[in-house]
């Protein structure tokens, strides 16, 4: 059974939107809306992009790029951690052999 959703009002670029939000997730929704508003305000203040729809698309592209870049960094960090773990395992294995 899904938790009940309620309408939460958020403001983005001085426009109010009512968004369905699962119970208990209101703070996260407000935080996300505030973050998006900040990104869109930055794009709007640059003066290079005009129109709400274009600003929203540019914000979505920028945020998606950041998310994908973070995923790539997380993936490369995981590979490095695996390499280090392997080296530790090998070193511990060599140490065990010496103890025998």
PDB file of N, CA and C in Angstrom:
ATOM      1  N   UNK A   1       0.841  -1.181   0.000  1.00  0.00           N
ATOM      2  CA  UNK A   1       0.000   0.000   0.000  1.00  0.00           C
ATOM      3  C   UNK A   1       0.887   1.247   0.000  1.00  0.00           C
ATOM      4  N   UNK A   2       0.653   2.131  -0.951  1.00  0.00           N
ATOM      5  CA  UNK A   2       1.443   3.358  -1.073  1.00  0.00           C
ATOM      6  C   UNK A   2       1.073   4.346   0.032  1.00  0.00           C
ATOM      7  N   UNK A   3       2.101   5.077   0.536  1.00  0.00           N
ATOM      8  CA  UNK A   3       1.770   6.127   1.498  1.00  0.00           C
ATOM      9  C   UNK A   3       0.955   7.226   0.827  1.00  0.00           C
ATOM     10  N   UNK A   4       0.088   7.844   1.582  1.00  0.00           N
ATOM     11  CA  UNK A   4      -0.759   8.905   1.041  1.00  0.00           C
ATOM     12  C   UNK A   4       0.090  10.092   0.609  1.00  0.00           C
ATOM     13  N   UNK A   5      -0.268  10.657  -0.545  1.00  0.00           N
ATOM     14  CA  UNK A   5       0.423  11.851  -1.043  1.00  0.00           C
ATOM     15  C   UNK A   5      -0.441  13.064  -0.740  1.00  0.00           C
ATOM     16  N   UNK A   6       0.225  14.163  -0.452  1.00  0.00           N
ATOM     17  CA  UNK A   6      -0.514  15.403  -0.251  1.00  0.00           C
ATOM     18  C   UNK A   6       0.108  16.482  -1.117  1.00  0.00           C
ATOM     19  N   UNK A   7      -0.645  17.513  -1.400  1.00  0.00           N
ATOM     20  CA  UNK A   7      -0.153  18.605  -2.228  1.00  0.00           C
ATOM     21  C   UNK A   7       0.680  19.562  -1.383  1.00  0.00           C
ATOM     22  N   UNK A   8       1.882  19.824  -1.875  1.00  0.00           N
ATOM     23  CA  UNK A   8       2.796  20.755  -1.224  1.00  0.00           C
ATOM     24  C   UNK A   8       3.057  21.891  -2.204  1.00  0.00           C
ATOM     25  N   UNK A   9       3.047  23.099  -1.721  1.00  0.00           N
ATOM     26  CA  UNK A   9       3.296  24.269  -2.554  1.00  0.00           C
ATOM     27  C   UNK A   9       4.786  24.598  -2.539  1.00  0.00           C
ATOM     28  N   UNK A  10       5.366  24.716  -3.742  1.00  0.00           N
ATOM     29  CA  UNK A  10       6.767  25.122  -3.870  1.00  0.00           C
ATOM     30  C   UNK A  10       6.828  26.316  -4.819  1.00  0.00           C
ATOM     31  N   UNK A  11       7.846  27.151  -4.641  1.00  0.00           N
ATOM     32  CA  UNK A  11       8.009  28.322  -5.498  1.00  0.00           C
ATOM     33  C   UNK A  11       9.319  28.202  -6.257  1.00  0.00           C
ATOM     34  N   UNK A  12       9.213  28.301  -7.582  1.00  0.00           N
ATOM     35  CA  UNK A  12      10.381  28.239  -8.458  1.00  0.00           C
ATOM     36  C   UNK A  12      10.284  29.408  -9.429  1.00  0.00           C
ATOM     37  N   UNK A  13      11.307  30.229  -9.467  1.00  0.00           N
ATOM     38  CA  UNK A  13      11.329  31.450 -10.291  1.00  0.00           C
ATOM     39  C   UNK A  13      10.070  32.279 -10.088  1.00  0.00           C
ATOM     40  N   UNK A  14       9.747  32.493  -8.834  1.00  0.00           N
ATOM     41  CA  UNK A  14       8.609  33.334  -8.438  1.00  0.00           C
ATOM     42  C   UNK A  14       7.258  32.802  -8.899  1.00  0.00           C
ATOM     43  N   UNK A  15       7.208  31.539  -9.269  1.00  0.00           N
ATOM     44  CA  UNK A  15       5.933  30.909  -9.625  1.00  0.00           C
ATOM     45  C   UNK A  15       5.654  29.808  -8.621  1.00  0.00           C
ATOM     46  N   UNK A  16       4.395  29.706  -8.237  1.00  0.00           N
ATOM     47  CA  UNK A  16       4.015  28.699  -7.254  1.00  0.00           C
ATOM     48  C   UNK A  16       3.472  27.464  -7.972  1.00  0.00           C
ATOM     49  N   UNK A  17       3.915  26.291  -7.503  1.00  0.00           N
ATOM     50  CA  UNK A  17       3.481  25.010  -8.054  1.00  0.00           C
ATOM     51  C   UNK A  17       2.998  24.131  -6.906  1.00  0.00           C
ATOM     52  N   UNK A  18       1.903  23.426  -7.130  1.00  0.00           N
ATOM     53  CA  UNK A  18       1.420  22.434  -6.173  1.00  0.00           C
ATOM     54  C   UNK A  18       1.883  21.073  -6.667  1.00  0.00           C
ATOM     55  N   UNK A  19       2.622  20.376  -5.808  1.00  0.00           N
ATOM     56  CA  UNK A  19       3.236  19.113  -6.195  1.00  0.00           C
ATOM     57  C   UNK A  19       2.776  18.024  -5.230  1.00  0.00           C
ATOM     58  N   UNK A  20       2.388  16.866  -5.778  1.00  0.00           N
ATOM     59  CA  UNK A  20       2.025  15.733  -4.934  1.00  0.00           C
ATOM     60  C   UNK A  20       3.291  15.208  -4.272  1.00  0.00           C
ATOM     61  N   UNK A  21       3.198  14.982  -2.965  1.00  0.00           N
ATOM     62  CA  UNK A  21       4.377  14.569  -2.193  1.00  0.00           C
ATOM     63  C   UNK A  21       3.964  13.488  -1.200  1.00  0.00           C
ATOM     64  N   UNK A  22       4.716  12.368  -1.177  1.00  0.00           N
ATOM     65  CA  UNK A  22       4.411  11.333  -0.182  1.00  0.00           C
ATOM     66  C   UNK A  22       4.565  11.881   1.233  1.00  0.00           C
ATOM     67  N   UNK A  23       3.745  11.398   2.122  1.00  0.00           N
ATOM     68  CA  UNK A  23       3.791  11.820   3.518  1.00  0.00           C
ATOM     69  C   UNK A  23       5.185  11.563   4.087  1.00  0.00           C
ATOM     70  N   UNK A  24       5.727  12.558   4.762  1.00  0.00           N
ATOM     71  CA  UNK A  24       7.043  12.439   5.366  1.00  0.00           C
ATOM     72  C   UNK A  24       8.189  12.895   4.472  1.00  0.00           C
ATOM     73  N   UNK A  25       7.900  13.235   3.229  1.00  0.00           N
ATOM     74  CA  UNK A  25       8.938  13.646   2.286  1.00  0.00           C
ATOM     75  C   UNK A  25       8.893  15.149   1.993  1.00  0.00           C
ATOM     76  N   UNK A  26       8.119  15.887   2.762  1.00  0.00           N
ATOM     77  CA  UNK A  26       7.934  17.317   2.500  1.00  0.00           C
ATOM     78  C   UNK A  26       9.251  18.083   2.551  1.00  0.00           C
ATOM     79  N   UNK A  27      10.077  17.805   3.529  1.00  0.00           N
ATOM     80  CA  UNK A  27      11.351  18.523   3.671  1.00  0.00           C
ATOM     81  C   UNK A  27      12.239  18.283   2.449  1.00  0.00           C
ATOM     82  N   UNK A  28      12.308  17.039   1.995  1.00  0.00           N
ATOM     83  CA  UNK A  28      13.136  16.712   0.833  1.00  0.00           C
ATOM     84  C   UNK A  28      12.623  17.408  -0.421  1.00  0.00           C
ATOM     85  N   UNK A  29      11.296  17.474  -0.574  1.00  0.00           N
ATOM     86  CA  UNK A  29      10.712  18.164  -1.728  1.00  0.00           C
ATOM     87  C   UNK A  29      11.047  19.651  -1.675  1.00  0.00           C
ATOM     88  N   UNK A  30      10.893  20.271  -0.518  1.00  0.00           N
ATOM     89  CA  UNK A  30      11.211  21.697  -0.379  1.00  0.00           C
ATOM     90  C   UNK A  30      12.691  21.952  -0.675  1.00  0.00           C
ATOM     91  N   UNK A  31      13.548  21.058  -0.209  1.00  0.00           N
ATOM     92  CA  UNK A  31      14.986  21.182  -0.452  1.00  0.00           C
ATOM     93  C   UNK A  31      15.293  21.070  -1.947  1.00  0.00           C
ATOM     94  N   UNK A  32      14.664  20.112  -2.616  1.00  0.00           N
ATOM     95  CA  UNK A  32      14.863  19.941  -4.063  1.00  0.00           C
ATOM     96  C   UNK A  32      14.362  21.159  -4.830  1.00  0.00           C
ATOM     97  N   UNK A  33      13.200  21.665  -4.448  1.00  0.00           N
ATOM     98  CA  UNK A  33      12.637  22.838  -5.113  1.00  0.00           C
ATOM     99  C   UNK A  33      13.533  24.054  -4.915  1.00  0.00           C
ATOM    100  N   UNK A  34      14.066  24.215  -3.723  1.00  0.00           N
ATOM    101  CA  UNK A  34      14.958  25.335  -3.437  1.00  0.00           C
ATOM    102  C   UNK A  34      16.241  25.243  -4.261  1.00  0.00           C
ATOM    103  N   UNK A  35      16.782  24.035  -4.373  1.00  0.00           N
ATOM    104  CA  UNK A  35      17.993  23.812  -5.161  1.00  0.00           C
ATOM    105  C   UNK A  35      17.736  24.129  -6.633  1.00  0.00           C
ATOM    106  N   UNK A  36      16.601  23.637  -7.159  1.00  0.00           N
ATOM    107  CA  UNK A  36      16.245  23.902  -8.556  1.00  0.00           C
ATOM    108  C   UNK A  36      16.028  25.392  -8.777  1.00  0.00           C
ATOM    109  N   UNK A  37      15.344  26.050  -7.844  1.00  0.00           N
ATOM    110  CA  UNK A  37      15.113  27.490  -7.961  1.00  0.00           C
ATOM    111  C   UNK A  37      16.443  28.240  -8.041  1.00  0.00           C
ATOM    112  N   UNK A  38      17.389  27.860  -7.197  1.00  0.00           N
ATOM    113  CA  UNK A  38      18.707  28.508  -7.201  1.00  0.00           C
ATOM    114  C   UNK A  38      19.393  28.338  -8.561  1.00  0.00           C
ATOM    115  N   UNK A  39      19.369  27.111  -9.085  1.00  0.00           N
ATOM    116  CA  UNK A  39      19.997  26.854 -10.394  1.00  0.00           C
ATOM    117  C   UNK A  39      19.323  27.673 -11.491  1.00  0.00           C
ATOM    118  N   UNK A  40      17.999  27.712 -11.465  1.00  0.00           N
ATOM    119  CA  UNK A  40      17.273  28.452 -12.491  1.00  0.00           C
ATOM    120  C   UNK A  40      17.499  29.954 -12.345  1.00  0.00           C
ATOM    121  N   UNK A  41      17.593  30.450 -11.119  1.00  0.00           N
ATOM    122  CA  UNK A  41      17.889  31.871 -10.890  1.00  0.00           C
ATOM    123  C   UNK A  41      19.266  32.227 -11.458  1.00  0.00           C
ATOM    124  N   UNK A  42      20.239  31.324 -11.270  1.00  0.00           N
ATOM    125  CA  UNK A  42      21.586  31.553 -11.805  1.00  0.00           C
ATOM    126  C   UNK A  42      21.550  31.661 -13.334  1.00  0.00           C
ATOM    127  N   UNK A  43      20.821  30.760 -13.967  1.00  0.00           N
ATOM    128  CA  UNK A  43      20.721  30.777 -15.429  1.00  0.00           C
ATOM    129  C   UNK A  43      20.011  32.042 -15.888  1.00  0.00           C
ATOM    130  N   UNK A  44      18.925  32.392 -15.213  1.00  0.00           N
ATOM    131  CA  UNK A  44      18.167  33.597 -15.575  1.00  0.00           C
ATOM    132  C   UNK A  44      19.030  34.846 -15.421  1.00  0.00           C
ATOM    133  N   UNK A  45      19.806  34.917 -14.331  1.00  0.00           N
ATOM    134  CA  UNK A  45      20.605  36.119 -14.071  1.00  0.00           C
ATOM    135  C   UNK A  45      21.794  36.249 -15.024  1.00  0.00           C
ATOM    136  N   UNK A  46      22.160  35.155 -15.692  1.00  0.00           N
ATOM    137  CA  UNK A  46      23.261  35.238 -16.665  1.00  0.00           C
ATOM    138  C   UNK A  46      22.852  36.098 -17.861  1.00  0.00           C
ATOM    139  N   UNK A  47      21.540  36.199 -18.094  1.00  0.00           N
ATOM    140  CA  UNK A  47      21.044  37.020 -19.189  1.00  0.00           C
ATOM    141  C   UNK A  47      21.201  36.389 -20.569  1.00  0.00           C
ATOM    142  N   UNK A  48      21.664  35.147 -20.615  1.00  0.00           N
ATOM    143  CA  UNK A  48      21.892  34.491 -21.903  1.00  0.00           C
ATOM    144  C   UNK A  48      20.721  33.623 -22.351  1.00  0.00           C
ATOM    145  N   UNK A  49      19.846  33.270 -21.407  1.00  0.00           N
ATOM    146  CA  UNK A  49      18.715  32.388 -21.716  1.00  0.00           C
ATOM    147  C   UNK A  49      17.438  33.093 -21.294  1.00  0.00           C
ATOM    148  N   UNK A  50      16.468  33.118 -22.195  1.00  0.00           N
ATOM    149  CA  UNK A  50      15.210  33.800 -21.926  1.00  0.00           C
ATOM    150  C   UNK A  50      14.051  32.822 -22.034  1.00  0.00           C
ATOM    151  N   UNK A  51      13.056  33.025 -21.223  1.00  0.00           N
ATOM    152  CA  UNK A  51      11.852  32.197 -21.243  1.00  0.00           C
ATOM    153  C   UNK A  51      11.942  31.090 -20.208  1.00  0.00           C
ATOM    154  N   UNK A  52      10.850  30.917 -19.491  1.00  0.00           N
ATOM    155  CA  UNK A  52      10.787  29.936 -18.414  1.00  0.00           C
ATOM    156  C   UNK A  52      11.118  28.530 -18.914  1.00  0.00           C
ATOM    157  N   UNK A  53      10.566  28.153 -20.045  1.00  0.00           N
ATOM    158  CA  UNK A  53      10.787  26.801 -20.565  1.00  0.00           C
ATOM    159  C   UNK A  53      12.263  26.576 -20.897  1.00  0.00           C
ATOM    160  N   UNK A  54      12.894  27.524 -21.539  1.00  0.00           N
ATOM    161  CA  UNK A  54      14.313  27.380 -21.895  1.00  0.00           C
ATOM    162  C   UNK A  54      15.199  27.352 -20.652  1.00  0.00           C
ATOM    163  N   UNK A  55      14.870  28.174 -19.668  1.00  0.00           N
ATOM    164  CA  UNK A  55      15.634  28.179 -18.414  1.00  0.00           C
ATOM    165  C   UNK A  55      15.498  26.820 -17.728  1.00  0.00           C
ATOM    166  N   UNK A  56      14.272  26.273 -17.724  1.00  0.00           N
ATOM    167  CA  UNK A  56      14.042  24.967 -17.107  1.00  0.00           C
ATOM    168  C   UNK A  56      14.823  23.868 -17.829  1.00  0.00           C
ATOM    169  N   UNK A  57      14.837  23.911 -19.162  1.00  0.00           N
ATOM    170  CA  UNK A  57      15.574  22.901 -19.922  1.00  0.00           C
ATOM    171  C   UNK A  57      17.076  23.020 -19.655  1.00  0.00           C
ATOM    172  N   UNK A  58      17.603  24.228 -19.619  1.00  0.00           N
ATOM    173  CA  UNK A  58      19.030  24.410 -19.350  1.00  0.00           C
ATOM    174  C   UNK A  58      19.384  23.933 -17.939  1.00  0.00           C
ATOM    175  N   UNK A  59      18.518  24.216 -16.975  1.00  0.00           N
ATOM    176  CA  UNK A  59      18.753  23.750 -15.606  1.00  0.00           C
ATOM    177  C   UNK A  59      18.740  22.220 -15.568  1.00  0.00           C
ATOM    178  N   UNK A  60      17.782  21.620 -16.266  1.00  0.00           N
ATOM    179  CA  UNK A  60      17.705  20.154 -16.307  1.00  0.00           C
ATOM    180  C   UNK A  60      18.955  19.569 -16.951  1.00  0.00           C
ATOM    181  N   UNK A  61      19.419  20.160 -18.035  1.00  0.00           N
ATOM    182  CA  UNK A  61      20.638  19.674 -18.690  1.00  0.00           C
ATOM    183  C   UNK A  61      21.847  19.816 -17.774  1.00  0.00           C
ATOM    184  N   UNK A  62      21.986  20.950 -17.121  1.00  0.00           N
ATOM    185  CA  UNK A  62      23.113  21.169 -16.215  1.00  0.00           C
ATOM    186  C   UNK A  62      23.098  20.181 -15.048  1.00  0.00           C
ATOM    187  N   UNK A  63      21.933  19.996 -14.451  1.00  0.00           N
ATOM    188  CA  UNK A  63      21.830  19.075 -13.319  1.00  0.00           C
ATOM    189  C   UNK A  63      22.070  17.631 -13.752  1.00  0.00           C
ATOM    190  N   UNK A  64      21.569  17.265 -14.924  1.00  0.00           N
ATOM    191  CA  UNK A  64      21.798  15.916 -15.439  1.00  0.00           C
ATOM    192  C   UNK A  64      23.273  15.685 -15.705  1.00  0.00           C
ATOM    193  N   UNK A  65      23.936  16.680 -16.275  1.00  0.00           N
ATOM    194  CA  UNK A  65      25.370  16.572 -16.525  1.00  0.00           C
ATOM    195  C   UNK A  65      26.124  16.373 -15.212  1.00  0.00           C
ATOM    196  N   UNK A  66      25.789  17.162 -14.194  1.00  0.00           N
ATOM    197  CA  UNK A  66      26.442  17.029 -12.889  1.00  0.00           C
ATOM    198  C   UNK A  66      26.202  15.637 -12.298  1.00  0.00           C
ATOM    199  N   UNK A  67      24.987  15.143 -12.420  1.00  0.00           N
ATOM    200  CA  UNK A  67      24.642  13.824 -11.881  1.00  0.00           C
ATOM    201  C   UNK A  67      25.419  12.728 -12.605  1.00  0.00           C
ATOM    202  N   UNK A  68      25.468  12.792 -13.929  1.00  0.00           N
ATOM    203  CA  UNK A  68      26.195  11.786 -14.695  1.00  0.00           C
ATOM    204  C   UNK A  68      27.688  11.849 -14.403  1.00  0.00           C
ATOM    205  N   UNK A  69      28.222  13.049 -14.261  1.00  0.00           N
ATOM    206  CA  UNK A  69      29.640  13.211 -13.947  1.00  0.00           C
ATOM    207  C   UNK A  69      29.932  12.623 -12.571  1.00  0.00           C
ATOM    208  N   UNK A  70      29.028  12.835 -11.617  1.00  0.00           N
ATOM    209  CA  UNK A  70      29.199  12.284 -10.272  1.00  0.00           C
ATOM    210  C   UNK A  70      29.162  10.764 -10.321  1.00  0.00           C
ATOM    211  N   UNK A  71      28.257  10.195 -11.134  1.00  0.00           N
ATOM    212  CA  UNK A  71      28.179   8.741 -11.277  1.00  0.00           C
ATOM    213  C   UNK A  71      29.486   8.190 -11.837  1.00  0.00           C
ATOM    214  N   UNK A  72      30.073   8.894 -12.825  1.00  0.00           N
ATOM    215  CA  UNK A  72      31.350   8.463 -13.395  1.00  0.00           C
ATOM    216  C   UNK A  72      32.444   8.516 -12.345  1.00  0.00           C
ATOM    217  N   UNK A  73      32.464   9.575 -11.533  1.00  0.00           N
ATOM    218  CA  UNK A  73      33.469   9.699 -10.478  1.00  0.00           C
ATOM    219  C   UNK A  73      33.287   8.594  -9.442  1.00  0.00           C
ATOM    220  N   UNK A  74      32.030   8.316  -9.065  1.00  0.00           N
ATOM    221  CA  UNK A  74      31.759   7.256  -8.102  1.00  0.00           C
ATOM    222  C   UNK A  74      32.227   5.916  -8.648  1.00  0.00           C
ATOM    223  N   UNK A  75      31.998   5.688  -9.945  1.00  0.00           N
ATOM    224  CA  UNK A  75      32.407   4.435 -10.572  1.00  0.00           C
ATOM    225  C   UNK A  75      33.921   4.289 -10.563  1.00  0.00           C
ATOM    226  N   UNK A  76      34.652   5.360 -10.924  1.00  0.00           N
ATOM    227  CA  UNK A  76      36.109   5.282 -10.944  1.00  0.00           C
ATOM    228  C   UNK A  76      36.656   5.130  -9.531  1.00  0.00           C
ATOM    229  N   UNK A  77      36.006   5.748  -8.549  1.00  0.00           N
ATOM    230  CA  UNK A  77      36.423   5.588  -7.161  1.00  0.00           C
ATOM    231  C   UNK A  77      36.209   4.148  -6.710  1.00  0.00           C
ATOM    232  N   UNK A  78      35.115   3.519  -7.156  1.00  0.00           N
ATOM    233  CA  UNK A  78      34.853   2.122  -6.811  1.00  0.00           C
ATOM    234  C   UNK A  78      35.929   1.217  -7.368  1.00  0.00           C
ATOM    235  N   UNK A  79      36.364   1.498  -8.593  1.00  0.00           N
ATOM    236  CA  UNK A  79      37.429   0.705  -9.208  1.00  0.00           C
ATOM    237  C   UNK A  79      38.710   0.854  -8.398  1.00  0.00           C
ATOM    238  N   UNK A  80      39.030   2.064  -7.984  1.00  0.00           N
ATOM    239  CA  UNK A  80      40.234   2.300  -7.180  1.00  0.00           C
ATOM    240  C   UNK A  80      40.142   1.572  -5.840  1.00  0.00           C
ATOM    241  N   UNK A  81      38.984   1.606  -5.226  1.00  0.00           N
ATOM    242  CA  UNK A  81      38.802   0.918  -3.943  1.00  0.00           C
ATOM    243  C   UNK A  81      38.984  -0.588  -4.123  1.00  0.00           C
ATOM    244  N   UNK A  82      38.457  -1.120  -5.228  1.00  0.00           N
ATOM    245  CA  UNK A  82      38.623  -2.549  -5.508  1.00  0.00           C
ATOM    246  C   UNK A  82      40.096  -2.905  -5.680  1.00  0.00           C
ATOM    247  N   UNK A  83      40.852  -2.057  -6.378  1.00  0.00           N
ATOM    248  CA  UNK A  83      42.284  -2.303  -6.570  1.00  0.00           C
ATOM    249  C   UNK A  83      43.026  -2.299  -5.235  1.00  0.00           C
ATOM    250  N   UNK A  84      42.711  -1.321  -4.398  1.00  0.00           N
ATOM    251  CA  UNK A  84      43.363  -1.221  -3.087  1.00  0.00           C
ATOM    252  C   UNK A  84      43.004  -2.435  -2.235  1.00  0.00           C
ATOM    253  N   UNK A  85      41.731  -2.829  -2.265  1.00  0.00           N
ATOM    254  CA  UNK A  85      41.291  -3.994  -1.498  1.00  0.00           C
ATOM    255  C   UNK A  85      42.031  -5.249  -1.951  1.00  0.00           C
ATOM    256  N   UNK A  86      42.202  -5.389  -3.273  1.00  0.00           N
ATOM    257  CA  UNK A  86      42.945  -6.527  -3.825  1.00  0.00           C
ATOM    258  C   UNK A  86      44.379  -6.545  -3.299  1.00  0.00           C
ATOM    259  N   UNK A  87      45.017  -5.382  -3.324  1.00  0.00           N
ATOM    260  CA  UNK A  87      46.400  -5.286  -2.846  1.00  0.00           C
ATOM    261  C   UNK A  87      46.496  -5.633  -1.364  1.00  0.00           C
ATOM    262  N   UNK A  88      45.535  -5.177  -0.583  1.00  0.00           N
ATOM    263  CA  UNK A  88      45.522  -5.493   0.848  1.00  0.00           C
ATOM    264  C   UNK A  88      45.342  -6.993   1.040  1.00  0.00           C
ATOM    265  N   UNK A  89      44.403  -7.580   0.278  1.00  0.00           N
ATOM    266  CA  UNK A  89      44.187  -9.022   0.370  1.00  0.00           C
ATOM    267  C   UNK A  89      45.451  -9.792   0.015  1.00  0.00           C
ATOM    268  N   UNK A  90      46.132  -9.336  -1.035  1.00  0.00           N
ATOM    269  CA  UNK A  90      47.376 -10.001  -1.446  1.00  0.00           C
ATOM    270  C   UNK A  90      48.441  -9.873  -0.357  1.00  0.00           C
ATOM    271  N   UNK A  91      48.551  -8.687   0.218  1.00  0.00           N
ATOM    272  CA  UNK A  91      49.547  -8.472   1.265  1.00  0.00           C
ATOM    273  C   UNK A  91      49.224  -9.313   2.493  1.00  0.00           C
ATOM    274  N   UNK A  92      47.955  -9.370   2.866  1.00  0.00           N
ATOM    275  CA  UNK A  92      47.569 -10.182   4.004  1.00  0.00           C
ATOM    276  C   UNK A  92      47.776 -11.668   3.716  1.00  0.00           C
ATOM    277  N   UNK A  93      47.492 -12.071   2.473  1.00  0.00           N
ATOM    278  CA  UNK A  93      47.720 -13.459   2.070  1.00  0.00           C
ATOM    279  C   UNK A  93      49.192 -13.814   2.150  1.00  0.00           C
ATOM    280  N   UNK A  94      50.059 -12.922   1.704  1.00  0.00           N
ATOM    281  CA  UNK A  94      51.512 -13.147   1.771  1.00  0.00           C
ATOM    282  C   UNK A  94      51.951 -13.226   3.220  1.00  0.00           C
ATOM    283  N   UNK A  95      51.393 -12.418   4.071  1.00  0.00           N
ATOM    284  CA  UNK A  95      51.728 -12.425   5.486  1.00  0.00           C
ATOM    285  C   UNK A  95      51.323 -13.727   6.156  1.00  0.00           C
ATOM    286  N   UNK A  96      50.182 -14.258   5.779  1.00  0.00           N
ATOM    287  CA  UNK A  96      49.719 -15.534   6.329  1.00  0.00           C
ATOM    288  C   UNK A  96      50.664 -16.656   5.929  1.00  0.00           C
ATOM    289  N   UNK A  97      51.144 -16.600   4.696  1.00  0.00           N
ATOM    290  CA  UNK A  97      52.046 -17.638   4.227  1.00  0.00           C
ATOM    291  C   UNK A  97      53.344 -17.617   5.030  1.00  0.00           C
ATOM    292  N   UNK A  98      53.810 -16.440   5.370  1.00  0.00           N
ATOM    293  CA  UNK A  98      55.051 -16.315   6.140  1.00  0.00           C
ATOM    294  C   UNK A  98      54.870 -16.848   7.559  1.00  0.00           C
ATOM    295  N   UNK A  99      53.669 -16.697   8.116  1.00  0.00           N
ATOM    296  CA  UNK A  99      53.418 -17.149   9.471  1.00  0.00           C
ATOM    297  C   UNK A  99      53.443 -18.662   9.572  1.00  0.00           C
ATOM    298  N   UNK A 100      53.113 -19.361   8.514  1.00  0.00           N
ATOM    299  CA  UNK A 100      53.069 -20.821   8.550  1.00  0.00           C
ATOM    300  C   UNK A 100      54.460 -21.304   8.570  1.00  0.00           C
TER     301      UNK A 100
END
